[in-house]
Amino acid sequence: RVLSEKEGGGAEMIYLKLFLTFLEIGTVSFGGGYGMIALVREAVLGNGWLTEEEFLNLIAVSESTPGPIAVNTATFVGSTQGGFFGALAATLGVVLPSFLIIFGISFVLRAFQSVRLVQYAFNGIRAGVLALILKALWSMYRQCPKSAVSYVVMAAAFLLTAFLSINVLFVILGCAAFGLLTAAATAKRNRR
């Protein structure tokens, strides 16, 4: 549903509006992509860019596609309103604030990276991140079916990625294919 130039007051205006709207969302949002869903909803419904149902579908698709939900959402909304350049404007708007903040922090960190206190802080941060990764691993493990087959698949996936440097995407696709084949074989065996 791309706005015509008459509806949007000119193509340039819709690009600018998309950019400024998502720039504001990217600037004032904290807590990651999920933290900005309420702001995105308010903006897209308030501007008449999407209906409530379209917005809910957008969130479902944005959650299930690769990449940050905020970028996926901005890109989709921009695309519906201004085609390729609308998607570009909205995506740049939502990404620019984070980029500039990280860019600025990188200069500060570079200046202080040799300070022992900063090094200790980063050691602590690395330990904290590792703990979060292990927590996610434990959570996923608890939800995973426990059988000899699932343990073999987990071990094989780990070995392929950690020691043989096989691309993770290929390992995930292989695991999915193996799961489908196993389910089909089980279903065929149960029909007999």
Protein backbone atom coordinates (compact mmCIF):
# COMPACT_ATOMS: atom_id res chain seq x y z
CA ARG A 1 0.00 0.00 0.00
CA VAL A 2 2.46 2.64 -1.18
CA LEU A 3 1.23 6.21 -0.85
CA SER A 4 0.86 8.10 -4.07
CA GLU A 5 2.49 11.50 -4.37
CA LYS A 6 -0.95 13.14 -3.99
CA GLU A 7 -1.73 11.27 -0.77
CA GLY A 8 1.71 11.74 0.78
CA GLY A 9 2.35 15.29 -0.35
CA GLY A 10 5.21 14.18 -2.58
CA ALA A 11 7.52 11.23 -2.48
CA GLU A 12 10.24 13.24 -0.75
CA MET A 13 7.86 14.15 2.06
CA ILE A 14 6.99 10.53 2.84
CA TYR A 15 10.69 9.63 2.87
CA LEU A 16 11.43 12.48 5.26
CA LYS A 17 8.46 11.61 7.46
CA LEU A 18 9.49 7.95 7.61
CA PHE A 19 13.09 8.88 8.40
CA LEU A 20 12.16 11.39 11.14
CA THR A 21 9.52 9.11 12.69
CA PHE A 22 11.88 6.16 12.96
CA LEU A 23 14.79 8.41 13.98
CA GLU A 24 12.70 9.56 16.94
CA ILE A 25 11.75 5.96 17.79
CA GLY A 26 15.39 4.85 17.56
CA THR A 27 16.51 7.78 19.73
CA VAL A 28 14.04 7.49 22.60
CA SER A 29 13.69 3.71 22.78
CA PHE A 30 15.46 1.71 25.43
CA GLY A 31 15.34 -2.01 26.04
CA GLY A 32 15.94 -3.17 22.49
CA GLY A 33 13.48 -3.88 19.72
CA TYR A 34 10.76 -5.20 21.97
CA GLY A 35 10.96 -1.99 23.98
CA MET A 36 10.05 0.04 20.91
CA ILE A 37 7.00 -1.94 19.78
CA ALA A 38 4.60 0.40 21.61
CA LEU A 39 6.23 3.46 20.01
CA VAL A 40 6.16 1.91 16.54
CA ARG A 41 2.50 0.97 17.01
CA GLU A 42 1.59 4.50 18.04
CA ALA A 43 3.48 5.96 15.07
CA VAL A 44 2.17 3.64 12.36
CA LEU A 45 -1.44 3.73 13.56
CA GLY A 46 -1.31 7.47 14.22
CA ASN A 47 0.01 8.18 10.73
CA GLY A 48 -2.49 5.77 9.16
CA TRP A 49 0.33 3.70 7.69
CA LEU A 50 -1.07 0.38 8.92
CA THR A 51 -4.27 -0.90 10.49
CA GLU A 52 -4.21 -2.67 13.86
CA GLU A 53 -4.47 -6.07 12.15
CA GLU A 54 -1.67 -5.22 9.71
CA PHE A 55 0.49 -4.09 12.62
CA LEU A 56 -0.05 -7.35 14.52
CA ASN A 57 0.85 -9.31 11.39
CA LEU A 58 3.93 -7.12 10.96
CA ILE A 59 5.11 -7.93 14.50
CA ALA A 60 4.59 -11.66 13.91
CA VAL A 61 6.60 -11.56 10.67
CA SER A 62 9.30 -9.30 12.17
CA GLU A 63 9.80 -11.69 15.08
CA SER A 64 10.15 -14.69 12.83
CA THR A 65 12.57 -13.26 10.27
CA PRO A 66 16.31 -12.90 10.81
CA GLY A 67 17.54 -9.59 12.16
CA PRO A 68 16.53 -7.17 14.88
CA ILE A 69 12.77 -6.66 15.21
CA ALA A 70 13.16 -2.87 15.12
CA VAL A 71 15.02 -2.95 11.79
CA ASN A 72 12.61 -5.48 10.28
CA THR A 73 9.62 -3.39 11.38
CA ALA A 74 11.05 -0.11 10.09
CA THR A 75 12.02 -1.69 6.78
CA PHE A 76 8.57 -3.19 6.26
CA VAL A 77 6.66 -0.03 7.19
CA GLY A 78 8.95 2.07 5.02
CA SER A 79 8.50 -0.33 2.13
CA THR A 80 4.71 -0.25 2.35
CA GLN A 81 4.68 3.53 2.38
CA GLY A 82 7.49 4.50 0.03
CA GLY A 83 8.80 1.42 -1.72
CA PHE A 84 12.56 0.86 -1.72
CA PHE A 85 13.49 4.41 -0.74
CA GLY A 86 10.84 4.45 1.99
CA ALA A 87 12.33 1.25 3.41
CA LEU A 88 15.80 2.79 3.22
CA ALA A 89 14.69 6.01 4.93
CA ALA A 90 12.88 4.24 7.79
CA THR A 91 15.71 1.74 8.32
CA LEU A 92 18.36 4.47 8.39
CA GLY A 93 16.22 6.43 10.82
CA VAL A 94 15.89 3.59 13.32
CA VAL A 95 19.54 2.46 13.05
CA LEU A 96 21.30 5.84 13.02
CA PRO A 97 20.91 6.73 16.74
CA SER A 98 22.37 3.39 17.91
CA PHE A 99 25.17 3.62 15.37
CA LEU A 100 26.15 7.13 16.46
CA ILE A 101 26.07 6.20 20.15
CA ILE A 102 28.24 3.12 19.64
CA PHE A 103 30.56 5.09 17.35
CA GLY A 104 31.02 7.72 20.06
CA ILE A 105 31.56 5.13 22.78
CA SER A 106 34.23 3.44 20.66
CA PHE A 107 36.39 6.58 20.82
CA VAL A 108 35.98 6.83 24.57
CA LEU A 109 36.81 3.16 25.03
CA ARG A 110 39.84 3.37 22.78
CA ALA A 111 41.18 6.22 24.90
CA PHE A 112 40.66 4.28 28.12
CA GLN A 113 41.23 0.66 27.06
CA SER A 114 44.69 0.57 28.63
CA VAL A 115 43.34 1.67 32.02
CA ARG A 116 43.31 -1.31 34.37
CA LEU A 117 39.91 -0.45 35.79
CA VAL A 118 38.36 -0.51 32.29
CA GLN A 119 40.06 -3.86 31.58
CA TYR A 120 38.62 -5.30 34.80
CA ALA A 121 35.18 -3.96 33.87
CA PHE A 122 35.35 -5.70 30.49
CA ASN A 123 36.44 -8.95 32.13
CA GLY A 124 33.34 -8.70 34.29
CA ILE A 125 31.16 -7.90 31.30
CA ARG A 126 32.52 -10.93 29.40
CA ALA A 127 31.76 -13.15 32.39
CA GLY A 128 28.25 -11.71 32.59
CA VAL A 129 27.63 -12.28 28.89
CA LEU A 130 28.88 -15.84 29.18
CA ALA A 131 26.48 -16.39 32.08
CA LEU A 132 23.59 -15.07 29.97
CA ILE A 133 24.53 -17.37 27.10
CA LEU A 134 24.72 -20.35 29.45
CA LYS A 135 21.33 -19.42 30.93
CA ALA A 136 19.81 -19.33 27.42
CA LEU A 137 21.45 -22.68 26.67
CA TRP A 138 20.03 -24.20 29.86
CA SER A 139 16.56 -22.83 29.08
CA MET A 140 16.62 -24.26 25.58
CA TYR A 141 17.99 -27.59 26.82
CA ARG A 142 15.11 -27.92 29.31
CA GLN A 143 12.56 -27.40 26.50
CA CYS A 144 14.28 -29.78 24.07
CA PRO A 145 12.97 -33.34 23.80
CA LYS A 146 15.27 -35.77 25.59
CA SER A 147 16.06 -38.89 23.62
CA ALA A 148 19.13 -40.63 22.26
CA VAL A 149 18.42 -39.09 18.85
CA SER A 150 18.20 -35.54 20.22
CA TYR A 151 21.49 -35.97 22.11
CA VAL A 152 23.19 -37.25 18.94
CA VAL A 153 21.85 -34.26 16.95
CA MET A 154 22.98 -31.79 19.66
CA ALA A 155 26.46 -33.34 19.82
CA ALA A 156 26.80 -33.47 16.03
CA ALA A 157 25.72 -29.83 15.66
CA PHE A 158 28.22 -28.77 18.32
CA LEU A 159 31.07 -30.72 16.76
CA LEU A 160 30.29 -29.46 13.25
CA THR A 161 30.23 -25.81 14.29
CA ALA A 162 32.86 -25.74 17.05
CA PHE A 163 35.55 -28.00 15.67
CA LEU A 164 34.92 -28.35 11.93
CA SER A 165 33.88 -24.70 11.40
CA ILE A 166 30.82 -25.64 9.35
CA ASN A 167 28.57 -22.64 8.72
CA VAL A 168 25.83 -22.47 11.35
CA LEU A 169 23.15 -21.94 8.71
CA PHE A 170 24.01 -25.27 7.07
CA VAL A 171 24.00 -27.03 10.44
CA ILE A 172 20.58 -25.60 11.31
CA LEU A 173 19.19 -26.58 7.91
CA GLY A 174 20.67 -30.06 8.34
CA CYS A 175 19.13 -30.40 11.80
CA ALA A 176 15.76 -29.27 10.45
CA ALA A 177 15.95 -31.78 7.60
CA PHE A 178 16.96 -34.53 10.02
CA GLY A 179 14.03 -33.62 12.28
CA LEU A 180 11.59 -33.75 9.38
CA LEU A 181 12.94 -37.11 8.20
CA THR A 182 12.78 -38.52 11.72
CA ALA A 183 9.19 -37.31 12.17
CA ALA A 184 8.19 -38.78 8.79
CA ALA A 185 9.80 -42.12 9.63
CA THR A 186 8.09 -42.19 13.03
CA ALA A 187 4.72 -41.36 11.48
CA LYS A 188 5.17 -44.08 8.84
CA ARG A 189 6.17 -46.62 11.51
CA ASN A 190 3.12 -45.71 13.65
CA ARG A 191 0.74 -46.23 10.68
CA ARG A 192 1.78 -49.85 10.39
